Amino acid sequence: MLGDEILVNGTHDPHLEIGHERVRLRVLNAANDRIFAFGFDDERAFDQVATDGGLLEQPHRTRRVQLSPGERAELVVALEPGDDVVLRSFAPETGAFLERRVGGADTFDILRIAAEDELEASPPPADELAPIPPLAEPGRSPDRSIDLGDEVIDGRAMDMERIDHIIAAGTTEVWEVTNTDGDPHNLHLHDRHVQVVAVDGRSPPPELTGWHDTVHVPAGSTVQLAIEFGSYVDPTTPYMFHCHVLTHEDAGMRGQFTIVEPDEVDTAPRRIDAPDDYGHH
């Protein structure tokens, strides 16, 4: 499931030549199952400036950025003339019962970056990047609980004719997502960006602030997500939420929600007729 060859933009063993003092990398984990923990072979620090859905409020100075399948991040790294460094994936923290089976013991090279002998000047990231108004106060009681189990959500596999959750338009909810399985999972929502309110009862670390649509939930962990739902209503056309680990979602680890008028939550259909060509992306 994990494979032993890495492709970067379809290229095996790639390199990148840089002619300026800083490079900004938009990184997407497009692997089927593997979790990456990105850093540099010389352990240099760099700035994470964005997540899935846009800029952070301030740059996050770090040496590691971990991404589960489907997650994205933007990294800014400073270079000196003649630098020859490697973006590497180190052993990730998965929380899995069998770390090695899910790649938790693997370290390998991703991308070689070679700086020219003379570099054009480029400024560092700004101290303030983008305001992010909080959607929910810390400590708010969750509105829904989502259980990520053994390739099922809330104990049920995907049914394209079943509506799992009906949500009032224009509301903001807190979902409490718990991984009760021994394998790592994540949760990806269609149509919505979310904010991480808490991880195992604590404030999220800097790399989990900002806007996300895919959030890693390690084995045995609980993550609270604040979600502001839009005003477009359609009781028979659902949005998807699912684990973005390919083998898990293909096995049925998916669900559906609809957005309806507030006074129609109790009467909206729980079953729909799914078209034959209905897909999850």
C-alpha atoms as a PDB file:
ATOM      1  CA  MET A   1       0.000   0.000   0.000  1.00  0.00           C
ATOM      2  CA  LEU A   2       2.843   2.408   0.758  1.00  0.00           C
ATOM      3  CA  GLY A   3       5.203   1.711  -2.135  1.00  0.00           C
ATOM      4  CA  ASP A   4       8.939   2.342  -2.105  1.00  0.00           C
ATOM      5  CA  GLU A   5       9.401   4.935  -4.879  1.00  0.00           C
ATOM      6  CA  ILE A   6       8.531   8.623  -4.485  1.00  0.00           C
ATOM      7  CA  LEU A   7       7.374  10.847  -7.363  1.00  0.00           C
ATOM      8  CA  VAL A   8       7.369  14.637  -7.116  1.00  0.00           C
ATOM      9  CA  ASN A   9       5.127  16.195  -9.761  1.00  0.00           C
ATOM     10  CA  GLY A  10       5.455  12.907 -11.642  1.00  0.00           C
ATOM     11  CA  THR A  11       9.265  12.966 -11.515  1.00  0.00           C
ATOM     12  CA  HIS A  12      11.488  10.360  -9.879  1.00  0.00           C
ATOM     13  CA  ASP A  13      14.558  11.605  -7.969  1.00  0.00           C
ATOM     14  CA  PRO A  14      13.929  15.290  -8.853  1.00  0.00           C
ATOM     15  CA  HIS A  15      16.090  18.369  -8.298  1.00  0.00           C
ATOM     16  CA  LEU A  16      15.311  22.080  -8.315  1.00  0.00           C
ATOM     17  CA  GLU A  17      17.782  24.856  -9.158  1.00  0.00           C
ATOM     18  CA  ILE A  18      17.141  28.148  -7.347  1.00  0.00           C
ATOM     19  CA  GLY A  19      18.493  31.585  -8.251  1.00  0.00           C
ATOM     20  CA  HIS A  20      17.099  33.647  -5.357  1.00  0.00           C
ATOM     21  CA  GLU A  21      17.534  33.735  -1.594  1.00  0.00           C
ATOM     22  CA  ARG A  22      14.234  32.101  -0.703  1.00  0.00           C
ATOM     23  CA  VAL A  23      11.946  29.541  -2.282  1.00  0.00           C
ATOM     24  CA  ARG A  24       8.274  29.022  -1.447  1.00  0.00           C
ATOM     25  CA  LEU A  25       7.100  25.419  -1.783  1.00  0.00           C
ATOM     26  CA  ARG A  26       3.428  24.454  -1.995  1.00  0.00           C
ATOM     27  CA  VAL A  27       3.419  20.868  -0.733  1.00  0.00           C
ATOM     28  CA  LEU A  28       0.542  18.429  -1.252  1.00  0.00           C
ATOM     29  CA  ASN A  29       0.554  14.919   0.150  1.00  0.00           C
ATOM     30  CA  ALA A  30      -0.855  13.034  -2.848  1.00  0.00           C
ATOM     31  CA  ALA A  31       0.067   9.580  -1.552  1.00  0.00           C
ATOM     32  CA  ASN A  32      -2.516   6.822  -1.159  1.00  0.00           C
ATOM     33  CA  ASP A  33      -1.765   6.025   2.481  1.00  0.00           C
ATOM     34  CA  ARG A  34       1.587   7.455   3.528  1.00  0.00           C
ATOM     35  CA  ILE A  35       2.046  10.245   6.076  1.00  0.00           C
ATOM     36  CA  PHE A  36       5.025  12.538   5.439  1.00  0.00           C
ATOM     37  CA  ALA A  37       7.025  14.554   7.991  1.00  0.00           C
ATOM     38  CA  PHE A  38       8.852  17.121   5.863  1.00  0.00           C
ATOM     39  CA  GLY A  39      12.142  18.713   6.870  1.00  0.00           C
ATOM     40  CA  PHE A  40      15.638  19.290   5.504  1.00  0.00           C
ATOM     41  CA  ASP A  41      18.591  16.943   5.681  1.00  0.00           C
ATOM     42  CA  ASP A  42      20.747  19.571   7.443  1.00  0.00           C
ATOM     43  CA  GLU A  43      17.945  20.300   9.970  1.00  0.00           C
ATOM     44  CA  ARG A  44      17.695  23.943   8.924  1.00  0.00           C
ATOM     45  CA  ALA A  45      14.640  25.835  10.165  1.00  0.00           C
ATOM     46  CA  PHE A  46      12.080  27.193   7.712  1.00  0.00           C
ATOM     47  CA  ASP A  47       8.756  29.032   7.814  1.00  0.00           C
ATOM     48  CA  GLN A  48       5.368  27.434   7.324  1.00  0.00           C
ATOM     49  CA  VAL A  49       3.155  30.225   5.969  1.00  0.00           C
ATOM     50  CA  ALA A  50      -0.057  28.457   4.884  1.00  0.00           C
ATOM     51  CA  THR A  51      -2.227  25.374   5.316  1.00  0.00           C
ATOM     52  CA  ASP A  52      -4.895  23.749   3.108  1.00  0.00           C
ATOM     53  CA  GLY A  53      -7.112  26.818   2.839  1.00  0.00           C
ATOM     54  CA  GLY A  54      -4.748  29.781   2.903  1.00  0.00           C
ATOM     55  CA  LEU A  55      -2.252  31.824   4.883  1.00  0.00           C
ATOM     56  CA  LEU A  56      -1.619  31.501   8.599  1.00  0.00           C
ATOM     57  CA  GLU A  57      -1.885  34.575  10.806  1.00  0.00           C
ATOM     58  CA  GLN A  58       1.900  34.547  11.358  1.00  0.00           C
ATOM     59  CA  PRO A  59       4.736  32.451   9.928  1.00  0.00           C
ATOM     60  CA  HIS A  60       5.420  29.327  11.967  1.00  0.00           C
ATOM     61  CA  ARG A  61       9.151  28.762  12.387  1.00  0.00           C
ATOM     62  CA  THR A  62       9.812  25.032  12.481  1.00  0.00           C
ATOM     63  CA  ARG A  63      11.966  22.115  11.334  1.00  0.00           C
ATOM     64  CA  ARG A  64       9.110  19.663  10.595  1.00  0.00           C
ATOM     65  CA  VAL A  65       5.728  19.812   8.877  1.00  0.00           C
ATOM     66  CA  GLN A  66       3.678  16.613   8.942  1.00  0.00           C
ATOM     67  CA  LEU A  67       0.997  16.019   6.305  1.00  0.00           C
ATOM     68  CA  SER A  68      -1.454  13.132   6.028  1.00  0.00           C
ATOM     69  CA  PRO A  69      -2.981  12.238   2.633  1.00  0.00           C
ATOM     70  CA  GLY A  70      -4.772  15.216   1.094  1.00  0.00           C
ATOM     71  CA  GLU A  71      -3.261  17.854   3.408  1.00  0.00           C
ATOM     72  CA  ARG A  72      -1.329  20.838   2.027  1.00  0.00           C
ATOM     73  CA  ALA A  73       1.154  23.355   3.387  1.00  0.00           C
ATOM     74  CA  GLU A  74       3.285  26.214   2.075  1.00  0.00           C
ATOM     75  CA  LEU A  75       6.901  26.414   3.208  1.00  0.00           C
ATOM     76  CA  VAL A  76       9.436  29.209   2.768  1.00  0.00           C
ATOM     77  CA  VAL A  77      13.098  28.215   3.080  1.00  0.00           C
ATOM     78  CA  ALA A  78      16.122  30.541   2.984  1.00  0.00           C
ATOM     79  CA  LEU A  79      19.175  29.579   0.944  1.00  0.00           C
ATOM     80  CA  GLU A  80      22.819  30.637   0.846  1.00  0.00           C
ATOM     81  CA  PRO A  81      24.854  30.808  -2.402  1.00  0.00           C
ATOM     82  CA  GLY A  82      25.987  27.325  -3.377  1.00  0.00           C
ATOM     83  CA  ASP A  83      23.652  25.518  -0.956  1.00  0.00           C
ATOM     84  CA  ASP A  84      22.837  21.926  -1.850  1.00  0.00           C
ATOM     85  CA  VAL A  85      20.089  20.654   0.468  1.00  0.00           C
ATOM     86  CA  VAL A  86      17.498  17.903   0.396  1.00  0.00           C
ATOM     87  CA  LEU A  87      13.858  18.134   1.385  1.00  0.00           C
ATOM     88  CA  ARG A  88      13.368  14.871   3.242  1.00  0.00           C
ATOM     89  CA  SER A  89      10.513  12.927   4.830  1.00  0.00           C
ATOM     90  CA  PHE A  90      11.401  11.792   8.332  1.00  0.00           C
ATOM     91  CA  ALA A  91       9.592   9.195  10.445  1.00  0.00           C
ATOM     92  CA  PRO A  92       6.119  10.639  11.121  1.00  0.00           C
ATOM     93  CA  GLU A  93       4.130  10.502  14.337  1.00  0.00           C
ATOM     94  CA  THR A  94       1.048   8.451  13.448  1.00  0.00           C
ATOM     95  CA  GLY A  95      -0.155   7.087  16.784  1.00  0.00           C
ATOM     96  CA  ALA A  96      -0.635   3.732  15.043  1.00  0.00           C
ATOM     97  CA  PHE A  97      -0.480   0.434  16.882  1.00  0.00           C
ATOM     98  CA  LEU A  98       1.902  -0.890  14.203  1.00  0.00           C
ATOM     99  CA  GLU A  99       3.995   2.138  13.203  1.00  0.00           C
ATOM    100  CA  ARG A 100       6.092   0.331  10.599  1.00  0.00           C
ATOM    101  CA  ARG A 101       3.042  -0.940   8.708  1.00  0.00           C
ATOM    102  CA  VAL A 102       1.865   2.641   8.076  1.00  0.00           C
ATOM    103  CA  GLY A 103       5.325   4.053   7.290  1.00  0.00           C
ATOM    104  CA  GLY A 104       6.059   5.353  10.772  1.00  0.00           C
ATOM    105  CA  ALA A 105       9.673   4.148  10.651  1.00  0.00           C
ATOM    106  CA  ASP A 106      10.542   5.401   7.143  1.00  0.00           C
ATOM    107  CA  THR A 107      12.938   8.213   6.208  1.00  0.00           C
ATOM    108  CA  PHE A 108      13.648   9.068   2.567  1.00  0.00           C
ATOM    109  CA  ASP A 109      14.568  11.961   0.259  1.00  0.00           C
ATOM    110  CA  ILE A 110      11.907  13.983  -1.552  1.00  0.00           C
ATOM    111  CA  LEU A 111      13.570  16.834  -3.469  1.00  0.00           C
ATOM    112  CA  ARG A 112      17.131  18.103  -3.934  1.00  0.00           C
ATOM    113  CA  ILE A 113      17.416  21.912  -3.990  1.00  0.00           C
ATOM    114  CA  ALA A 114      20.572  23.446  -5.452  1.00  0.00           C
ATOM    115  CA  ALA A 115      21.222  27.180  -5.035  1.00  0.00           C
ATOM    116  CA  GLU A 116      23.244  29.071  -7.635  1.00  0.00           C
ATOM    117  CA  ASP A 117      26.523  30.750  -6.667  1.00  0.00           C
ATOM    118  CA  GLU A 118      24.911  34.195  -6.949  1.00  0.00           C
ATOM    119  CA  LEU A 119      21.370  34.696  -5.618  1.00  0.00           C
ATOM    120  CA  GLU A 120      18.883  37.488  -6.163  1.00  0.00           C
ATOM    121  CA  ALA A 121      17.573  39.100  -3.005  1.00  0.00           C
ATOM    122  CA  SER A 122      14.146  38.009  -1.773  1.00  0.00           C
ATOM    123  CA  PRO A 123      12.503  39.262   1.443  1.00  0.00           C
ATOM    124  CA  PRO A 124      11.466  37.045   4.351  1.00  0.00           C
ATOM    125  CA  PRO A 125       7.759  36.429   5.037  1.00  0.00           C
ATOM    126  CA  ALA A 126       5.906  39.294   6.689  1.00  0.00           C
ATOM    127  CA  ASP A 127       5.434  39.134  10.449  1.00  0.00           C
ATOM    128  CA  GLU A 128       1.641  39.293   9.982  1.00  0.00           C
ATOM    129  CA  LEU A 129       0.139  37.302   7.097  1.00  0.00           C
ATOM    130  CA  ALA A 130      -3.677  37.102   7.230  1.00  0.00           C
ATOM    131  CA  PRO A 131      -6.323  37.691   9.918  1.00  0.00           C
ATOM    132  CA  ILE A 132      -8.286  34.560  10.839  1.00  0.00           C
ATOM    133  CA  PRO A 133     -11.367  35.327  12.965  1.00  0.00           C
ATOM    134  CA  PRO A 134     -12.109  32.354  15.259  1.00  0.00           C
ATOM    135  CA  LEU A 135     -15.295  30.450  14.467  1.00  0.00           C
ATOM    136  CA  ALA A 136     -15.787  29.089  18.004  1.00  0.00           C
ATOM    137  CA  GLU A 137     -14.508  29.843  21.466  1.00  0.00           C
ATOM    138  CA  PRO A 138     -12.267  27.259  23.159  1.00  0.00           C
ATOM    139  CA  GLY A 139     -14.205  24.977  25.457  1.00  0.00           C
ATOM    140  CA  ARG A 140     -17.460  25.170  23.543  1.00  0.00           C
ATOM    141  CA  SER A 141     -19.491  21.974  23.759  1.00  0.00           C
ATOM    142  CA  PRO A 142     -19.502  19.957  20.528  1.00  0.00           C
ATOM    143  CA  ASP A 143     -22.624  19.870  18.377  1.00  0.00           C
ATOM    144  CA  ARG A 144     -21.835  16.509  16.754  1.00  0.00           C
ATOM    145  CA  SER A 145     -19.597  13.549  17.466  1.00  0.00           C
ATOM    146  CA  ILE A 146     -17.897  11.674  14.625  1.00  0.00           C
ATOM    147  CA  ASP A 147     -16.296   8.283  15.270  1.00  0.00           C
ATOM    148  CA  LEU A 148     -13.562   7.129  12.882  1.00  0.00           C
ATOM    149  CA  GLY A 149     -13.377   3.339  13.211  1.00  0.00           C
ATOM    150  CA  ASP A 150     -12.115   0.370  11.257  1.00  0.00           C
ATOM    151  CA  GLU A 151     -12.833   1.692   7.720  1.00  0.00           C
ATOM    152  CA  VAL A 152     -16.245   2.985   8.850  1.00  0.00           C
ATOM    153  CA  ILE A 153     -17.586   6.269  10.218  1.00  0.00           C
ATOM    154  CA  ASP A 154     -19.910   6.038  13.212  1.00  0.00           C
ATOM    155  CA  GLY A 155     -19.975   2.276  12.718  1.00  0.00           C
ATOM    156  CA  ARG A 156     -21.448   2.482   9.200  1.00  0.00           C
ATOM    157  CA  ALA A 157     -20.001   2.116   5.724  1.00  0.00           C
ATOM    158  CA  MET A 158     -20.921   4.516   2.941  1.00  0.00           C
ATOM    159  CA  ASP A 159     -24.467   4.365   1.540  1.00  0.00           C
ATOM    160  CA  MET A 160     -24.968   6.789  -1.366  1.00  0.00           C
ATOM    161  CA  GLU A 161     -28.684   6.993  -0.639  1.00  0.00           C
ATOM    162  CA  ARG A 162     -28.291   7.720   3.091  1.00  0.00           C
ATOM    163  CA  ILE A 163     -27.966  11.246   4.519  1.00  0.00           C
ATOM    164  CA  ASP A 164     -25.931  10.994   7.698  1.00  0.00           C
ATOM    165  CA  HIS A 165     -26.288  14.581   8.925  1.00  0.00           C
ATOM    166  CA  ILE A 166     -28.749  17.374   8.151  1.00  0.00           C
ATOM    167  CA  ILE A 167     -27.427  20.849   8.945  1.00  0.00           C
ATOM    168  CA  ALA A 168     -29.165  24.210   9.174  1.00  0.00           C
ATOM    169  CA  ALA A 169     -27.871  26.775   6.689  1.00  0.00           C
ATOM    170  CA  GLY A 170     -25.792  29.615   8.103  1.00  0.00           C
ATOM    171  CA  THR A 171     -24.922  27.863  11.353  1.00  0.00           C
ATOM    172  CA  THR A 172     -21.531  27.287  12.951  1.00  0.00           C
ATOM    173  CA  GLU A 173     -21.001  23.882  14.524  1.00  0.00           C
ATOM    174  CA  VAL A 174     -18.238  22.157  16.461  1.00  0.00           C
ATOM    175  CA  TRP A 175     -17.610  18.556  15.442  1.00  0.00           C
ATOM    176  CA  GLU A 176     -15.757  16.303  17.850  1.00  0.00           C
ATOM    177  CA  VAL A 177     -13.879  13.730  15.771  1.00  0.00           C
ATOM    178  CA  THR A 178     -12.405  10.706  17.560  1.00  0.00           C
ATOM    179  CA  ASN A 179     -10.188   8.019  16.079  1.00  0.00           C
ATOM    180  CA  THR A 180     -11.105   4.808  17.910  1.00  0.00           C
ATOM    181  CA  ASP A 181      -9.055   2.662  15.530  1.00  0.00           C
ATOM    182  CA  GLY A 182      -5.448   1.488  15.786  1.00  0.00           C
ATOM    183  CA  ASP A 183      -4.599   3.067  12.416  1.00  0.00           C
ATOM    184  CA  PRO A 184      -4.238   6.778  11.638  1.00  0.00           C
ATOM    185  CA  HIS A 185      -7.133   8.474   9.855  1.00  0.00           C
ATOM    186  CA  ASN A 186      -8.025  11.974   8.791  1.00  0.00           C
ATOM    187  CA  LEU A 187     -11.256  13.794   8.024  1.00  0.00           C
ATOM    188  CA  HIS A 188     -11.831  15.700   4.781  1.00  0.00           C
ATOM    189  CA  LEU A 189     -14.946  17.824   4.264  1.00  0.00           C
ATOM    190  CA  HIS A 190     -16.265  18.899   0.887  1.00  0.00           C
ATOM    191  CA  ASP A 191     -17.403  22.515   0.392  1.00  0.00           C
ATOM    192  CA  ARG A 192     -16.169  23.737   3.792  1.00  0.00           C
ATOM    193  CA  HIS A 193     -12.946  24.953   5.322  1.00  0.00           C
ATOM    194  CA  VAL A 194     -12.660  24.292   9.047  1.00  0.00           C
ATOM    195  CA  GLN A 195     -10.691  25.492  12.050  1.00  0.00           C
ATOM    196  CA  VAL A 196      -9.086  23.177  14.599  1.00  0.00           C
ATOM    197  CA  VAL A 197     -10.384  24.192  18.032  1.00  0.00           C
ATOM    198  CA  ALA A 198      -8.665  21.562  20.181  1.00  0.00           C
ATOM    199  CA  VAL A 199      -6.515  18.441  19.972  1.00  0.00           C
ATOM    200  CA  ASP A 200      -7.021  16.007  22.845  1.00  0.00           C
ATOM    201  CA  GLY A 201      -8.462  18.818  24.935  1.00  0.00           C
ATOM    202  CA  ARG A 202      -5.580  21.232  24.328  1.00  0.00           C
ATOM    203  CA  SER A 203      -5.209  24.258  22.076  1.00  0.00           C
ATOM    204  CA  PRO A 204      -3.959  23.302  18.601  1.00  0.00           C
ATOM    205  CA  PRO A 205      -0.257  23.747  17.815  1.00  0.00           C
ATOM    206  CA  PRO A 206       0.695  26.570  15.401  1.00  0.00           C
ATOM    207  CA  GLU A 207       0.780  24.293  12.334  1.00  0.00           C
ATOM    208  CA  LEU A 208      -2.866  23.315  12.926  1.00  0.00           C
ATOM    209  CA  THR A 209      -4.175  26.861  13.182  1.00  0.00           C
ATOM    210  CA  GLY A 210      -5.587  28.544  10.083  1.00  0.00           C
ATOM    211  CA  TRP A 211      -7.963  27.041   7.533  1.00  0.00           C
ATOM    212  CA  HIS A 212      -8.144  23.341   6.709  1.00  0.00           C
ATOM    213  CA  ASP A 213     -10.305  20.962   4.745  1.00  0.00           C
ATOM    214  CA  THR A 214      -8.349  17.841   5.737  1.00  0.00           C
ATOM    215  CA  VAL A 215      -7.293  17.218   9.341  1.00  0.00           C
ATOM    216  CA  HIS A 216      -5.149  14.336  10.597  1.00  0.00           C
ATOM    217  CA  VAL A 217      -6.636  12.448  13.551  1.00  0.00           C
ATOM    218  CA  PRO A 218      -3.964  10.105  14.985  1.00  0.00           C
ATOM    219  CA  ALA A 219      -4.967   6.769  16.436  1.00  0.00           C
ATOM    220  CA  GLY A 220      -6.585   7.266  19.830  1.00  0.00           C
ATOM    221  CA  SER A 221      -6.874  11.040  19.465  1.00  0.00           C
ATOM    222  CA  THR A 222      -9.812  13.433  19.514  1.00  0.00           C
ATOM    223  CA  VAL A 223      -9.890  16.629  17.452  1.00  0.00           C
ATOM    224  CA  GLN A 224     -12.539  19.341  17.650  1.00  0.00           C
ATOM    225  CA  LEU A 225     -13.320  21.226  14.436  1.00  0.00           C
ATOM    226  CA  ALA A 226     -15.304  24.457  14.056  1.00  0.00           C
ATOM    227  CA  ILE A 227     -17.253  24.624  10.786  1.00  0.00           C
ATOM    228  CA  GLU A 228     -19.275  27.534   9.392  1.00  0.00           C
ATOM    229  CA  PHE A 229     -21.878  26.216   6.978  1.00  0.00           C
ATOM    230  CA  GLY A 230     -23.033  28.238   3.977  1.00  0.00           C
ATOM    231  CA  SER A 231     -26.444  29.542   2.996  1.00  0.00           C
ATOM    232  CA  TYR A 232     -27.019  27.497  -0.186  1.00  0.00           C
ATOM    233  CA  VAL A 233     -29.656  24.872   0.557  1.00  0.00           C
ATOM    234  CA  ASP A 234     -30.515  21.635  -1.226  1.00  0.00           C
ATOM    235  CA  PRO A 235     -32.085  18.762   0.749  1.00  0.00           C
ATOM    236  CA  THR A 236     -31.369  16.142  -1.942  1.00  0.00           C
ATOM    237  CA  THR A 237     -27.837  17.046  -3.097  1.00  0.00           C
ATOM    238  CA  PRO A 238     -25.390  16.093  -0.337  1.00  0.00           C
ATOM    239  CA  TYR A 239     -21.808  17.028   0.437  1.00  0.00           C
ATOM    240  CA  MET A 240     -19.262  14.365   1.316  1.00  0.00           C
ATOM    241  CA  PHE A 241     -17.041  13.895   4.357  1.00  0.00           C
ATOM    242  CA  HIS A 242     -14.536  11.051   4.454  1.00  0.00           C
ATOM    243  CA  CYS A 243     -11.158   9.739   5.473  1.00  0.00           C
ATOM    244  CA  HIS A 244      -8.633  10.739   2.796  1.00  0.00           C
ATOM    245  CA  VAL A 245      -6.535   7.570   3.171  1.00  0.00           C
ATOM    246  CA  LEU A 246      -7.423   5.983  -0.157  1.00  0.00           C
ATOM    247  CA  THR A 247      -7.797   2.392   0.988  1.00  0.00           C
ATOM    248  CA  HIS A 248     -10.028   3.525   3.855  1.00  0.00           C
ATOM    249  CA  GLU A 249     -12.382   5.724   1.812  1.00  0.00           C
ATOM    250  CA  ASP A 250     -12.606   3.144  -0.970  1.00  0.00           C
ATOM    251  CA  ALA A 251     -13.631   0.565   1.632  1.00  0.00           C
ATOM    252  CA  GLY A 252     -16.560   2.789   2.644  1.00  0.00           C
ATOM    253  CA  MET A 253     -15.164   5.266   5.190  1.00  0.00           C
ATOM    254  CA  ARG A 254     -17.373   8.097   3.947  1.00  0.00           C
ATOM    255  CA  GLY A 255     -20.562   9.901   4.870  1.00  0.00           C
ATOM    256  CA  GLN A 256     -22.864  12.635   3.558  1.00  0.00           C
ATOM    257  CA  PHE A 257     -24.510  15.793   4.867  1.00  0.00           C
ATOM    258  CA  THR A 258     -27.065  18.181   3.422  1.00  0.00           C
ATOM    259  CA  ILE A 259     -27.638  21.858   4.162  1.00  0.00           C
ATOM    260  CA  VAL A 260     -31.277  22.915   4.525  1.00  0.00           C
ATOM    261  CA  GLU A 261     -33.347  25.832   5.776  1.00  0.00           C
ATOM    262  CA  PRO A 262     -33.306  26.006   9.591  1.00  0.00           C
ATOM    263  CA  ASP A 263     -37.011  25.178   9.850  1.00  0.00           C
ATOM    264  CA  GLU A 264     -36.580  22.086   7.633  1.00  0.00           C
ATOM    265  CA  VAL A 265     -33.940  20.213   9.651  1.00  0.00           C
ATOM    266  CA  ASP A 266     -36.474  17.850  11.207  1.00  0.00           C
ATOM    267  CA  THR A 267     -38.393  17.201   7.982  1.00  0.00           C
ATOM    268  CA  ALA A 268     -35.607  16.991   5.358  1.00  0.00           C
ATOM    269  CA  PRO A 269     -35.196  13.560   3.732  1.00  0.00           C
ATOM    270  CA  ARG A 270     -32.824  11.060   5.297  1.00  0.00           C
ATOM    271  CA  ARG A 271     -32.817   8.954   2.110  1.00  0.00           C
ATOM    272  CA  ILE A 272     -32.281  10.105  -1.484  1.00  0.00           C
ATOM    273  CA  ASP A 273     -32.131   8.488  -4.907  1.00  0.00           C
ATOM    274  CA  ALA A 274     -28.460   8.481  -5.869  1.00  0.00           C
ATOM    275  CA  PRO A 275     -27.764   8.740  -9.631  1.00  0.00           C
ATOM    276  CA  ASP A 276     -25.846   5.903 -11.253  1.00  0.00           C
ATOM    277  CA  ASP A 277     -22.842   8.133 -12.015  1.00  0.00           C
ATOM    278  CA  TYR A 278     -22.652   9.624  -8.524  1.00  0.00           C
ATOM    279  CA  GLY A 279     -19.033   9.941  -7.429  1.00  0.00           C
ATOM    280  CA  HIS A 280     -17.261  11.139  -4.299  1.00  0.00           C
ATOM    281  CA  HIS A 281     -15.021  13.769  -5.934  1.00  0.00           C
END
